[in-house]
Each structure stands twice: as C-alpha cells, then as structure tokens.
Protein backbone atom coordinates (compact mmCIF):
# COMPACT_ATOMS: atom_id res chain seq x y z
CA UNK A 1 -61.70 32.48 -11.14
CA UNK A 2 -63.52 32.70 -14.48
CA UNK A 3 -65.48 29.71 -15.75
CA UNK A 4 -66.37 28.96 -19.41
CA UNK A 5 -70.11 29.12 -18.75
CA UNK A 6 -69.85 32.23 -16.66
CA UNK A 7 -71.07 30.57 -13.53
CA UNK A 8 -69.66 28.00 -11.18
CA UNK A 9 -70.56 24.47 -12.30
CA UNK A 10 -72.31 22.05 -10.03
CA UNK A 11 -70.14 19.33 -8.57
CA UNK A 12 -71.45 15.83 -9.18
CA UNK A 13 -70.33 13.08 -6.81
CA UNK A 14 -70.58 10.49 -9.60
CA UNK A 15 -68.58 12.38 -12.22
CA UNK A 16 -65.19 12.72 -10.63
CA UNK A 17 -61.61 12.28 -11.77
CA UNK A 18 -58.75 11.00 -9.71
CA UNK A 19 -55.31 12.41 -9.71
CA UNK A 20 -52.34 10.69 -8.05
CA UNK A 21 -50.05 13.06 -6.25
CA UNK A 22 -46.36 12.34 -5.77
CA UNK A 23 -45.69 10.59 -2.46
CA UNK A 24 -43.66 12.32 0.16
CA UNK A 25 -40.11 11.28 1.00
CA UNK A 26 -41.24 9.26 3.98
CA UNK A 27 -42.28 5.94 2.54
CA UNK A 28 -46.04 6.58 2.60
CA UNK A 29 -48.41 5.03 0.10
CA UNK A 30 -49.63 7.18 -2.81
CA UNK A 31 -52.77 8.99 -1.80
CA UNK A 32 -55.71 9.63 -4.08
CA UNK A 33 -56.97 13.19 -4.36
CA UNK A 34 -60.51 13.71 -5.60
CA UNK A 35 -61.01 16.71 -7.80
CA UNK A 36 -64.11 18.01 -9.53
CA UNK A 37 -64.83 16.90 -13.06
CA UNK A 38 -66.14 20.36 -13.77
CA UNK A 39 -62.95 21.96 -12.53
CA UNK A 40 -60.97 19.76 -14.89
CA UNK A 41 -63.09 20.41 -17.97
CA UNK A 42 -61.83 23.90 -18.62
CA UNK A 43 -58.24 22.72 -18.35
CA UNK A 44 -58.67 20.00 -20.99
CA UNK A 45 -58.72 20.58 -24.76
CA UNK A 46 -62.14 21.50 -26.20
CA UNK A 47 -63.74 20.24 -29.40
CA UNK A 48 -66.20 17.67 -30.82
CA UNK A 49 -63.69 14.82 -30.86
CA UNK A 50 -62.62 15.48 -27.33
CA UNK A 51 -66.23 15.73 -26.15
CA UNK A 52 -66.98 12.36 -27.76
CA UNK A 53 -64.02 10.70 -25.99
CA UNK A 54 -64.96 12.39 -22.75
CA UNK A 55 -68.51 11.12 -22.97
CA UNK A 56 -67.35 7.50 -23.29
CA UNK A 57 -65.74 7.64 -19.85
CA UNK A 58 -67.26 9.46 -16.99
CA UNK A 59 -64.11 9.23 -14.91
CA UNK A 60 -60.52 8.09 -15.18
CA UNK A 61 -58.66 6.23 -12.45
CA UNK A 62 -54.92 5.78 -12.68
CA UNK A 63 -53.68 2.24 -12.05
CA UNK A 64 -51.51 2.08 -8.92
CA UNK A 65 -49.91 -1.16 -10.03
CA UNK A 66 -47.76 0.73 -12.51
CA UNK A 67 -46.52 3.19 -9.91
CA UNK A 68 -43.10 2.59 -8.30
CA UNK A 69 -43.30 1.14 -4.83
CA UNK A 70 -40.88 2.97 -2.58
CA UNK A 71 -40.70 -0.04 -0.28
CA UNK A 72 -39.62 -2.50 -2.94
CA UNK A 73 -36.11 -3.87 -2.64
CA UNK A 74 -33.47 -2.06 -4.63
CA UNK A 75 -32.20 -3.96 -7.63
CA UNK A 76 -28.39 -4.23 -7.46
CA UNK A 77 -26.22 -3.67 -10.45
CA UNK A 78 -25.20 -6.86 -12.19
CA UNK A 79 -21.50 -6.56 -12.77
CA UNK A 80 -20.79 -10.20 -13.49
CA UNK A 81 -20.71 -9.54 -17.22
CA UNK A 82 -18.34 -6.57 -17.01
CA UNK A 83 -15.13 -6.45 -15.03
CA UNK A 84 -15.18 -2.72 -14.39
CA UNK A 85 -17.87 -0.15 -13.93
CA UNK A 86 -18.55 2.43 -16.58
CA UNK A 87 -20.22 5.79 -16.28
CA UNK A 88 -23.40 4.55 -17.97
CA UNK A 89 -23.74 1.49 -15.76
CA UNK A 90 -23.13 3.55 -12.61
CA UNK A 91 -25.80 6.08 -13.56
CA UNK A 92 -28.25 3.32 -14.46
CA UNK A 93 -27.61 1.72 -11.07
CA UNK A 94 -28.40 5.02 -9.36
CA UNK A 95 -31.60 5.43 -11.39
CA UNK A 96 -32.75 1.93 -10.46
CA UNK A 97 -31.80 1.87 -6.77
CA UNK A 98 -31.22 5.54 -5.84
CA UNK A 99 -27.70 4.74 -4.66
CA UNK A 100 -24.28 4.49 -6.24
CA UNK A 101 -22.60 1.10 -6.76
CA UNK A 102 -20.42 -0.04 -3.88
CA UNK A 103 -17.64 -0.76 -6.35
CA UNK A 104 -17.13 2.99 -6.83
CA UNK A 105 -16.11 3.40 -3.19
CA UNK A 106 -13.61 0.53 -3.05
CA UNK A 107 -10.04 1.84 -2.92
CA UNK A 108 -8.04 0.99 -6.00
CA UNK A 109 -4.67 -0.72 -5.35
CA UNK A 110 -2.92 2.12 -7.15
CA UNK A 111 -4.05 4.55 -4.45
CA UNK A 112 -2.07 2.65 -1.83
CA UNK A 113 1.13 2.25 -3.81
CA UNK A 114 1.50 5.94 -4.66
CA UNK A 115 4.17 7.77 -2.70
CA UNK A 116 2.85 10.09 -0.03
CA UNK A 117 4.24 13.14 1.71
CA UNK A 118 6.44 12.81 4.76
CA UNK A 119 5.29 14.16 8.08
CA UNK A 120 6.18 17.78 8.74
CA UNK A 121 8.59 16.78 11.52
CA UNK A 122 10.71 14.70 9.13
CA UNK A 123 10.94 17.23 6.31
CA UNK A 124 14.41 18.57 5.77
CA UNK A 125 16.41 21.05 7.77
CA UNK A 126 15.04 24.14 9.38
CA UNK A 127 16.71 27.50 9.02
CA UNK A 128 17.67 30.00 11.65
CA UNK A 129 16.47 33.57 11.67
CA UNK A 130 19.55 34.74 9.80
CA UNK A 131 18.89 32.23 7.00
CA UNK A 132 21.75 29.86 7.86
CA UNK A 133 20.96 26.14 8.09
CA UNK A 134 20.36 24.83 11.58
CA UNK A 135 22.53 21.97 12.89
CA UNK A 136 21.11 18.70 11.61
CA UNK A 137 20.28 16.28 14.43
CA UNK A 138 21.40 12.69 14.28
CA UNK A 139 18.85 10.82 12.20
CA UNK A 140 19.57 7.39 13.67
CA UNK A 141 18.29 6.38 17.08
CA UNK A 142 20.36 4.63 19.71
CA UNK A 143 19.94 0.88 20.07
CA UNK A 144 17.93 1.34 23.24
CA UNK A 145 15.61 3.94 21.72
CA UNK A 146 14.93 2.14 18.46
CA UNK A 147 13.87 -1.06 20.26
CA UNK A 148 11.76 0.60 22.95
CA UNK A 149 8.48 0.25 21.06
CA UNK A 150 9.18 -3.41 20.30
CA UNK A 151 9.74 -4.46 23.92
CA UNK A 152 6.05 -4.84 24.66
CA UNK A 153 4.45 -8.10 23.49
CA UNK A 154 1.33 -6.13 22.51
CA UNK A 155 3.29 -4.75 19.55
CA UNK A 156 2.50 -8.03 17.83
CA UNK A 157 -1.18 -7.15 18.17
CA UNK A 158 -0.55 -3.81 16.46
CA UNK A 159 0.87 -5.71 13.51
CA UNK A 160 -2.05 -8.15 13.50
CA UNK A 161 -4.57 -5.31 13.31
CA UNK A 162 -2.86 -4.26 10.07
CA UNK A 163 -2.81 -7.78 8.66
CA UNK A 164 0.75 -8.81 9.59
CA UNK A 165 1.01 -11.99 11.66
CA UNK A 166 4.15 -13.33 13.33
CA UNK A 167 3.02 -16.90 12.72
CA UNK A 168 2.16 -19.16 9.83
CA UNK A 169 -1.57 -19.21 10.46
CA UNK A 170 -3.72 -21.84 8.78
CA UNK A 171 -1.63 -21.96 5.61
CA UNK A 172 2.11 -22.59 5.49
CA UNK A 173 4.30 -21.44 2.60
CA UNK A 174 3.75 -23.40 -0.59
CA UNK A 175 5.74 -26.56 -1.19
CA UNK A 176 8.02 -24.87 -3.72
CA UNK A 177 9.15 -22.26 -1.17
CA UNK A 178 9.74 -24.85 1.54
CA UNK A 179 11.76 -26.95 -0.87
CA UNK A 180 13.78 -23.90 -1.91
CA UNK A 181 14.67 -23.12 1.71
CA UNK A 182 16.00 -26.63 2.17
CA UNK A 183 18.05 -26.36 -0.99
CA UNK A 184 19.55 -23.06 0.16
CA UNK A 185 20.70 -24.71 3.39
CA UNK A 186 22.37 -27.59 1.56
CA UNK A 187 24.41 -25.57 -0.94
CA UNK A 188 28.17 -25.77 -0.61
CA UNK A 189 29.68 -22.39 0.27
CA UNK A 190 33.27 -21.47 1.07
CA UNK A 191 33.73 -20.10 4.58
CA UNK A 192 36.37 -17.58 5.72
CA UNK A 193 39.66 -18.86 7.06
CA UNK A 194 41.34 -17.77 10.30
CA UNK A 195 38.13 -16.28 11.67
CA UNK A 196 36.63 -16.28 15.15
CA UNK A 197 34.63 -19.34 14.11
CA UNK A 198 37.76 -21.38 13.44
CA UNK A 199 38.03 -24.61 15.39
CA UNK A 200 40.81 -23.30 17.59
CA UNK A 201 39.13 -19.94 18.30
CA UNK A 202 35.37 -20.25 18.58
CA UNK A 203 35.31 -21.55 22.18
CA UNK A 204 37.47 -18.65 23.31
CA UNK A 205 35.32 -16.23 21.33
CA UNK A 206 32.04 -17.35 22.93
CA UNK A 207 33.48 -17.19 26.44
CA UNK A 208 34.63 -13.61 25.92
CA UNK A 209 31.21 -12.52 24.62
CA UNK A 210 29.35 -13.79 27.67
CA UNK A 211 27.35 -11.01 29.38
CA UNK A 212 28.58 -8.40 26.90
CA UNK A 213 26.54 -5.88 24.97
CA UNK A 214 25.26 -5.92 21.41
CA UNK A 215 28.13 -3.88 20.04
CA UNK A 216 30.60 -6.53 21.17
CA UNK A 217 28.54 -9.31 19.57
CA UNK A 218 28.33 -7.41 16.30
CA UNK A 219 32.06 -6.75 16.27
CA UNK A 220 33.10 -10.36 17.00
CA UNK A 221 30.67 -12.63 15.13
CA UNK A 222 27.91 -10.70 13.26
CA UNK A 223 29.62 -10.88 9.85
CA UNK A 224 30.27 -14.59 10.41
CA UNK A 225 26.54 -15.18 10.76
CA UNK A 226 25.23 -12.73 8.14
CA UNK A 227 27.94 -11.94 5.56
CA UNK A 228 28.18 -8.57 3.88
CA UNK A 229 26.74 -8.58 0.36
CA UNK A 230 28.90 -5.65 -0.71
CA UNK A 231 32.10 -7.26 0.55
CA UNK A 232 31.28 -10.46 -1.30
CA UNK A 233 30.71 -8.28 -4.37
CA UNK A 234 34.43 -7.52 -4.54
CA UNK A 235 35.06 -11.02 -5.88
CA UNK A 236 31.64 -11.73 -7.44
CA UNK A 237 30.56 -9.01 -9.87
CA UNK A 238 26.99 -10.37 -10.03
CA UNK A 239 26.46 -9.27 -6.41
CA UNK A 240 27.26 -5.64 -7.14
CA UNK A 241 23.57 -4.89 -7.76
CA UNK A 242 22.94 -5.45 -4.03
CA UNK A 243 22.95 -2.59 -1.53
CA UNK A 244 23.14 -2.87 2.25
CA UNK A 245 22.57 -0.59 5.22
CA UNK A 246 23.96 -0.80 8.74
CA UNK A 247 21.90 0.57 11.64
CA UNK A 248 20.34 3.13 9.31
CA UNK A 249 16.79 4.32 9.59
CA UNK A 250 14.40 3.45 6.78
CA UNK A 251 13.43 7.08 6.27
CA UNK A 252 11.88 6.52 2.84
CA UNK A 253 9.83 3.48 3.80
CA UNK A 254 6.13 3.83 4.50
CA UNK A 255 5.96 2.03 7.87
CA UNK A 256 3.26 -0.38 8.93
CA UNK A 257 2.99 1.10 12.43
CA UNK A 258 3.98 4.48 13.82
CA UNK A 259 7.53 3.22 14.46
CA UNK A 260 10.15 3.69 11.77
CA UNK A 261 12.28 0.57 11.12
CA UNK A 262 16.01 0.77 11.74
CA UNK A 263 17.50 -2.72 11.32
CA UNK A 264 21.05 -3.48 12.37
CA UNK A 265 21.67 -4.80 8.88
CA UNK A 266 19.50 -4.92 5.75
CA UNK A 267 19.96 -5.79 2.08
CA UNK A 268 18.07 -4.79 -1.05
CA UNK A 269 18.77 -3.72 -4.63
CA UNK A 270 20.61 -0.69 -5.91
CA UNK A 271 19.11 1.81 -8.30
CA UNK A 272 21.53 0.51 -10.95
CA UNK A 273 19.72 -2.84 -10.87
CA UNK A 274 16.90 -1.27 -12.90
CA UNK A 275 16.79 0.51 -16.22
CA UNK A 276 15.69 4.12 -16.54
CA UNK A 277 12.57 3.02 -18.38
CA UNK A 278 11.64 0.75 -15.49
CA UNK A 279 12.23 3.53 -12.97
CA UNK A 280 10.15 5.98 -15.01
CA UNK A 281 7.18 3.62 -14.87
CA UNK A 282 7.38 3.50 -11.08
CA UNK A 283 8.18 7.18 -10.60
CA UNK A 284 4.87 8.11 -8.89
CA UNK A 285 5.31 5.17 -6.49
CA UNK A 286 9.00 5.81 -5.80
CA UNK A 287 8.36 9.49 -5.12
CA UNK A 288 10.85 12.15 -4.13
CA UNK A 289 13.38 10.99 -1.55
CA UNK A 290 13.42 14.39 0.14
CA UNK A 291 9.72 14.98 0.70
CA UNK A 292 7.91 11.64 0.26
CA UNK A 293 7.84 8.11 1.61
CA UNK A 294 7.47 5.07 -0.63
CA UNK A 295 6.22 1.54 -0.25
CA UNK A 296 8.91 0.28 -2.65
CA UNK A 297 12.06 1.70 -1.02
CA UNK A 298 13.71 1.46 2.38
CA UNK A 299 16.32 4.20 2.03
CA UNK A 300 17.19 6.52 -0.84
CA UNK A 301 19.56 3.86 -2.23
CA UNK A 302 17.82 0.57 -1.31
CA UNK A 303 14.97 -0.59 -3.55
CA UNK A 304 12.82 -3.64 -2.70
CA UNK A 305 14.61 -4.85 0.48
CA UNK A 306 14.52 -8.59 1.12
CA UNK A 307 16.79 -9.30 4.12
CA UNK A 308 17.11 -7.83 7.61
CA UNK A 309 19.16 -8.76 10.66
CA UNK A 310 18.75 -7.74 14.30
CA UNK A 311 21.23 -8.40 17.10
CA UNK A 312 20.11 -8.46 20.73
CA UNK A 313 21.47 -9.58 24.08
CA UNK A 314 19.93 -10.39 27.44
CA UNK A 315 16.73 -12.10 28.49
CA UNK A 316 13.98 -11.74 25.94
CA UNK A 317 16.32 -10.06 23.49
CA UNK A 318 15.57 -12.38 20.60
CA UNK A 319 11.82 -11.83 20.98
CA UNK A 320 12.39 -8.09 20.56
CA UNK A 321 14.60 -8.75 17.54
CA UNK A 322 11.87 -10.93 16.04
CA UNK A 323 9.33 -8.11 16.29
CA UNK A 324 11.73 -5.65 14.69
CA UNK A 325 12.43 -8.02 11.83
CA UNK A 326 8.72 -8.77 11.37
CA UNK A 327 8.03 -5.07 10.87
CA UNK A 328 10.89 -4.57 8.43
CA UNK A 329 10.22 -7.65 6.32
CA UNK A 330 6.49 -7.04 6.40
CA UNK A 331 7.26 -3.83 4.52
CA UNK A 332 9.45 -5.80 2.11
CA UNK A 333 6.75 -8.37 1.29
CA UNK A 334 4.09 -5.67 0.96
CA UNK A 335 6.23 -3.91 -1.66
CA UNK A 336 6.33 -6.99 -3.88
CA UNK A 337 2.61 -7.66 -3.46
CA UNK A 338 1.79 -4.05 -4.38
CA UNK A 339 3.91 -4.31 -7.50
CA UNK A 340 2.18 -7.50 -8.63
CA UNK A 341 -1.22 -5.96 -7.91
CA UNK A 342 -0.45 -3.25 -10.44
CA UNK A 343 -0.08 -5.98 -13.05
CA UNK A 344 -3.12 -7.91 -11.78
CA UNK A 345 -0.95 -10.94 -11.00
CA UNK A 346 -0.93 -10.95 -7.21
CA UNK A 347 -2.34 -14.49 -7.05
CA UNK A 348 1.03 -15.75 -8.32
CA UNK A 349 2.54 -14.75 -4.94
CA UNK A 350 0.15 -16.74 -2.79
CA UNK A 351 2.18 -18.42 0.00
CA UNK A 352 5.48 -17.72 -1.74
CA UNK A 353 8.41 -16.67 0.47
CA UNK A 354 9.53 -13.18 -0.55
CA UNK A 355 11.88 -12.07 2.26
CA UNK A 356 14.10 -13.39 5.04
CA UNK A 357 15.28 -12.27 8.47
CA UNK A 358 17.91 -13.33 11.01
CA UNK A 359 17.69 -12.70 14.76
CA UNK A 360 20.68 -13.68 16.87
CA UNK A 361 22.60 -13.04 20.04
CA UNK A 362 25.89 -14.46 21.28
CA UNK A 363 24.46 -17.98 21.64
CA UNK A 364 21.64 -18.74 19.21
CA UNK A 365 20.18 -17.81 15.81
CA UNK A 366 16.62 -17.70 14.45
CA UNK A 367 15.95 -17.63 10.71
CA UNK A 368 12.52 -16.77 9.27
CA UNK A 369 10.87 -16.46 5.88
CA UNK A 370 7.99 -14.09 5.10
CA UNK A 371 5.12 -14.59 2.67
CA UNK A 372 1.63 -13.37 1.83
CA UNK A 373 -1.60 -15.38 1.88
CA UNK A 374 -3.86 -14.06 -0.89
CA UNK A 375 -7.42 -15.35 -0.90
CA UNK A 376 -10.14 -14.76 -3.45
CA UNK A 377 -13.78 -14.10 -2.60
CA UNK A 378 -14.71 -17.80 -2.45
CA UNK A 379 -11.62 -18.81 -0.49
CA UNK A 380 -12.04 -16.04 2.06
CA UNK A 381 -15.77 -16.64 2.59
CA UNK A 382 -16.43 -20.36 2.63
CA UNK A 383 -20.11 -19.92 3.36
CA UNK A 384 -20.78 -18.40 -0.04
CA UNK A 385 -22.16 -20.60 -2.80
CA UNK A 386 -19.71 -22.33 -5.11
CA UNK A 387 -21.69 -21.16 -8.13
CA UNK A 388 -20.87 -17.54 -7.45
CA UNK A 389 -18.61 -16.11 -10.19
CA UNK A 390 -15.00 -15.71 -9.15
CA UNK A 391 -13.74 -12.21 -8.50
CA UNK A 392 -10.51 -11.10 -10.13
CA UNK A 393 -9.71 -8.84 -7.19
CA UNK A 394 -8.04 -10.37 -4.14
CA UNK A 395 -10.31 -9.47 -1.25
CA UNK A 396 -8.04 -10.72 1.54
CA UNK A 397 -4.26 -10.28 1.75
CA UNK A 398 -2.46 -11.13 4.98
CA UNK A 399 1.24 -11.45 5.74
CA UNK A 400 2.83 -14.25 7.74
CA UNK A 401 6.14 -15.53 9.07
CA UNK A 402 7.58 -19.02 8.73
CA UNK A 403 10.37 -20.45 10.89
CA UNK A 404 13.05 -21.92 8.59
CA UNK A 405 15.47 -23.13 11.25
CA UNK A 406 17.00 -22.31 14.63
CA UNK A 407 20.60 -22.80 15.66
CA UNK A 408 22.74 -23.15 18.77
CA UNK A 409 26.05 -21.53 17.89
CA UNK A 410 28.14 -23.42 20.41
CA UNK A 411 26.82 -26.93 19.81
CA UNK A 412 25.43 -26.76 16.28
CA UNK A 413 26.80 -26.00 12.85
CA UNK A 414 27.97 -22.42 13.47
CA UNK A 415 28.47 -21.84 9.72
CA UNK A 416 24.95 -22.88 8.76
CA UNK A 417 23.48 -19.36 8.76
CA UNK A 418 26.47 -17.95 6.89
CA UNK A 419 26.02 -20.51 4.12
CA UNK A 420 22.28 -19.95 3.99
CA UNK A 421 22.59 -16.16 3.61
CA UNK A 422 25.35 -16.58 1.06
CA UNK A 423 23.07 -18.85 -0.95
CA UNK A 424 20.34 -16.20 -0.78
CA UNK A 425 22.72 -13.68 -2.35
CA UNK A 426 23.93 -15.98 -5.10
CA UNK A 427 20.87 -18.10 -5.93
CA UNK A 428 17.65 -16.56 -4.66
CA UNK A 429 18.30 -12.80 -5.04
CA UNK A 430 19.09 -12.92 -8.81
CA UNK A 431 15.87 -14.82 -9.53
CA UNK A 432 13.90 -12.46 -7.32
CA UNK A 433 15.31 -9.46 -9.17
CA UNK A 434 14.49 -11.04 -12.52
CA UNK A 435 10.87 -11.49 -11.46
CA UNK A 436 10.63 -7.86 -10.34
CA UNK A 437 12.06 -6.64 -13.64
CA UNK A 438 9.65 -8.81 -15.62
CA UNK A 439 6.64 -7.42 -13.75
CA UNK A 440 7.76 -3.83 -14.27
CA UNK A 441 8.34 -4.48 -17.99
CA UNK A 442 4.82 -5.88 -18.30
CA UNK A 443 3.29 -2.68 -16.91
CA UNK A 444 2.09 -0.10 -19.43
CA UNK A 445 3.84 3.25 -19.53
CA UNK A 446 0.66 4.98 -18.36
CA UNK A 447 -0.05 2.61 -15.47
CA UNK A 448 -0.48 5.54 -13.08
CA UNK A 449 -2.39 7.78 -15.49
CA UNK A 450 -5.74 8.89 -14.03
CA UNK A 451 -8.66 7.15 -15.69
CA UNK A 452 -12.41 7.10 -15.28
CA UNK A 453 -12.38 3.69 -13.63
CA UNK A 454 -9.49 4.29 -11.21
CA UNK A 455 -10.09 7.87 -10.16
CA UNK A 456 -6.47 8.57 -9.37
CA UNK A 457 -6.30 12.22 -10.29
CA UNK A 458 -6.26 13.65 -6.77
CA UNK A 459 -3.68 11.29 -5.27
CA UNK A 460 -1.60 11.41 -8.43
CA UNK A 461 -1.44 15.19 -8.29
CA UNK A 462 -0.12 14.93 -4.75
CA UNK A 463 2.46 12.26 -5.57
CA UNK A 464 3.49 12.96 -9.15
CA UNK A 465 6.70 14.91 -9.68
CA UNK A 466 8.13 15.90 -13.01
CA UNK A 467 10.25 13.27 -14.74
CA UNK A 468 13.09 15.68 -15.36
CA UNK A 469 13.23 16.90 -11.76
CA UNK A 470 13.01 13.38 -10.35
CA UNK A 471 15.66 12.11 -12.75
CA UNK A 472 18.03 14.90 -11.68
CA UNK A 473 17.33 14.14 -8.02
CA UNK A 474 18.09 10.45 -8.40
CA UNK A 475 21.27 11.16 -10.33
CA UNK A 476 22.39 13.53 -7.61
CA UNK A 477 21.73 10.97 -4.90
CA UNK A 478 23.61 8.26 -6.74
CA UNK A 479 26.58 10.53 -7.41
CA UNK A 480 27.04 12.19 -4.04
CA UNK A 481 25.12 10.98 -0.97
CA UNK A 482 26.47 13.90 1.05
CA UNK A 483 24.19 16.22 -0.89
CA UNK A 484 21.30 14.88 1.11
CA UNK A 485 22.71 16.60 4.16
CA UNK A 486 23.94 19.80 2.59
CA UNK A 487 21.02 20.81 0.41
CA UNK A 488 17.82 22.30 1.68
CA UNK A 489 14.44 20.76 1.17
CA UNK A 490 12.20 21.72 -1.74
CA UNK A 491 10.01 23.75 0.61
CA UNK A 492 13.02 25.75 1.79
CA UNK A 493 14.21 26.23 -1.76
CA UNK A 494 10.80 27.47 -2.76
CA UNK A 495 10.68 30.03 0.00
CA UNK A 496 14.22 31.14 -0.76
CA UNK A 497 13.35 31.54 -4.41
CA UNK A 498 10.43 33.70 -3.51
CA UNK A 499 12.48 36.00 -1.32
CA UNK A 500 15.21 36.36 -3.92
CA UNK A 501 12.77 37.41 -6.60
CA UNK A 502 12.53 41.15 -6.94
CA UNK A 503 9.14 42.36 -5.91
CA UNK A 504 7.58 45.51 -7.24
CA UNK A 505 6.70 48.04 -4.60
CA UNK A 506 3.00 48.79 -4.93
CA UNK A 507 2.40 52.32 -6.19
CA UNK A 508 0.20 54.41 -4.03
CA UNK A 509 -2.64 55.75 -6.02
CA UNK A 510 -4.00 59.11 -5.14
CA UNK A 511 -6.56 61.40 -6.51
CA UNK A 512 -5.42 63.53 -9.37
C-alpha cells in the first residue's frame, strides 16, 4: 500500500478515530473499532481548510445515543385515524418496526363470500371410453344415509367449533324478534277442511301412524304441520316468489361441516324474486351452478333459504332432526350475515331471527328460530379499556338457536304449527325479501372488484365467470331443469372442444 509521505506513518495511541460498524443480526450491541488516525488521513480530503478543521479535533467519536437500539420495542402503526391501511402507511410501519401490519393478514369478508369450486367427486358426469355419458348415479341419499352423520351427539361439537351453537347462549334474540314470533303464532289463518286433522279423523290418524316409518308420517300429516308454499301460491300470487325443495340435496350450498344438507322440506326464494341488476352484483358470490358452491344458494333454484323441516321417528329421532335443521339453517343465517357484511351493516342483524326450522314425528313438534350474535371489539373483550376506539369490523360472529314453542299433536293445538308457518310465508318472508333487496341495491356495482385494500384478485379470478356465460346458464336452468342432467360439465365440454379442433400434424424437418 502506498502512503502519501512514502513511508508508513507512526501510529499514535492518543490520535485515534473511532468508527462504528453495523451490528450483526443477532441483537448484539454496536462495537467500537479503533483505527489509525494516520491510516484515515490519506482517505480524507486534503487542503488548508481541511487541515485547520482537523487540527481542532484530534479524534472524533460517534454518539451511540443516536444509533437505533435493536432491542427497543417496535412501534405499532396507529390506525385509529384511518379506517383502512394504505400502501404508504404499510411501508412506513415496516420501516419503523421491521414487520408488516397485522391488518394486512386479516381475511376480508369478501374472500369468504366468493363462490368456490366444487370437489372433484361432485363435478358433473364422467364419460366412458367411447365418449358416451356414463349413467348418472342418484344424487339424493336415502333417509338412513343422510342422517347417519347426525346420529352422534358429538356432531353438535363439530358445529360449535365452527361457531354454530344449538342453544341461545348468554344472549337471547332481541325483544323485537321475540315479539314477532308471538305475533306470528296469534295470526288468524284458514285451515284445510276434511283433512286428517279434522275433529272426526285425527284420533284415527294418530293410531294408524303408531310405530310406522317416516314415509308414512310424511304422507299422512306432514303437509298439515308445514304447508307447501308453492301450493298456497296457487291462490295467493304474492307467494309465487317462494321456491321449495323436497328431500333434495343442497348441492350448491357451501356446507358448514363435511356433510351436505338434505332436508325433508325447505323453502327459499326463486331467482325471479330478484332483478337482473341485483343478480349481476352478486354474480361472483352466486357462482356457476355446475362447477361451484355458493354461500347464498341451497340449490340451483333456491336463493337465501329461510325454512327447513325434518321428519323422524323412533327414540331420539327428534334430536337427530334438530341437528340436521341446525346445520341447514346455520347456512341460511350465515348467508344473510355475509350479505350484510358486504354493505358494512352486519351490526343491524345482531340477535335478529333470520330463519326457522320444524322438527316433528307422529306425536310432537319442535319449532326453532335462528339468529347471529355479532359483537364488536369492546363487547367481545370486556377486559379492554372503555376508552379504546371502537372498531367498525365485527370481530366475533356466532350463530345460535332459540326455541319458539313445542307442541303435543294429540293433546295440544294441532293446527298451531300450520298457522305459524303460514304466517311466515305471508307476513315475515315478504319483509325479509325486501330487506335483502335493499341491501343488494345499496351495494356498488364493483363491490367484488379487486382493490389495493381488499386484495381480492386471486380469489376473484378463481370465482369470477363472465356475465354473458353466467346469464345464459341461469336462463337455461330456469327454463329447463332437465338440462342439468343431460349436459356435460364445463370441464367435459372443454376437453371435447379440444378434441374436435383440427390439429396440424407437425412437419418433420430434415436436412436439406
């Protein structure tokens, strides 16, 4: 190494400079490295002014108080002034604390409501080697098979793990919902004449149903306990927006557990109950009925279900029916809560009854209402200080069941459940539909558009289907339900389209 004076300078112990080296990753204190003043001189600028400044200080020591302490506590990002994180605030938080804000990793409610793909086992019909469609197996399970998973009492624990409780918990439904249930029971409703519940027939009917199976109970008295909404729609045109299913699997519903619901009887709204503009807004959540499951639909023709009925016989039969209904109506309440979360108005649903179920056998009836308990940050964590700013996001949403009434068919008012369900159709269901429509109308047209704050691009790409294709699919389903069984799935159509396309035979290149 060449020195300015031509020879190596003498190192003085008094004239030294200190240089602070960058600490290692392990949280060690900054160490001071002593270097020769003479070794530093030739690296510094030369000149009279510099020599004068250098003479005034024989050494320079950097102040450690201005250095960052790696052990100091990270300063969290203050988001109380802004409701959503921006790119600048997230980067600043990382610069200050060397970690990203926790808010970036919280799932957005839109992620959950988007339709998702069905499992590979439930996708469409397979094809044989010759290209012909294979025989389609029966989609509905037998009554014994569909209730097998619900026979164990521990199924209630599976629901509880996912936030669905078959009890009221610490908070009952709000006073308005309880009052509404009483009013629905007191409404005057015309009952059928010359039925098996007539005064001169009901005793004979109950004696004949003793020790019989569920099919016999359904045939003799089921429609006298839970009337058909579509049959009542013959005389009341306002009920023609209601759709019902009978022992049909909820193939389009996104289940709470691994079991797919298949209620004996269920009621929801038809597609015609909503305008095309409203359906277009919810298109990514409704999905494609052939390849996706939705949190807003039960079947391809039932939107937002609100009533289910299960019929059981034998010892413990009603307990099994209660578990089946809890699963089905848990899905129904979750759909409404998800819709309100899109509009940021989920707190309006706190402890409000949003669905009903009926469990019965040949002797007794159980009627339940279902609601959600939505707690804010302060309500869910009572130990936190009251001065903490309130969070707009509901941190705790649980679903509960409320017993409205029970009934002994032989010794009680055997028409009570019939009148109650009829009042649901005529009084409660129209108001419920109006609320759903109002929420959808309040949503912006681009509610599912990927944004910087929501980060929906990946899930939206998986769930989004073209508006034209989805519109044609829905029109086809509404016009001819049989097409669901005769047409192949989109995956099959895609492969068929590929094979039908003429392929160019690759030309073999040789040397000229």
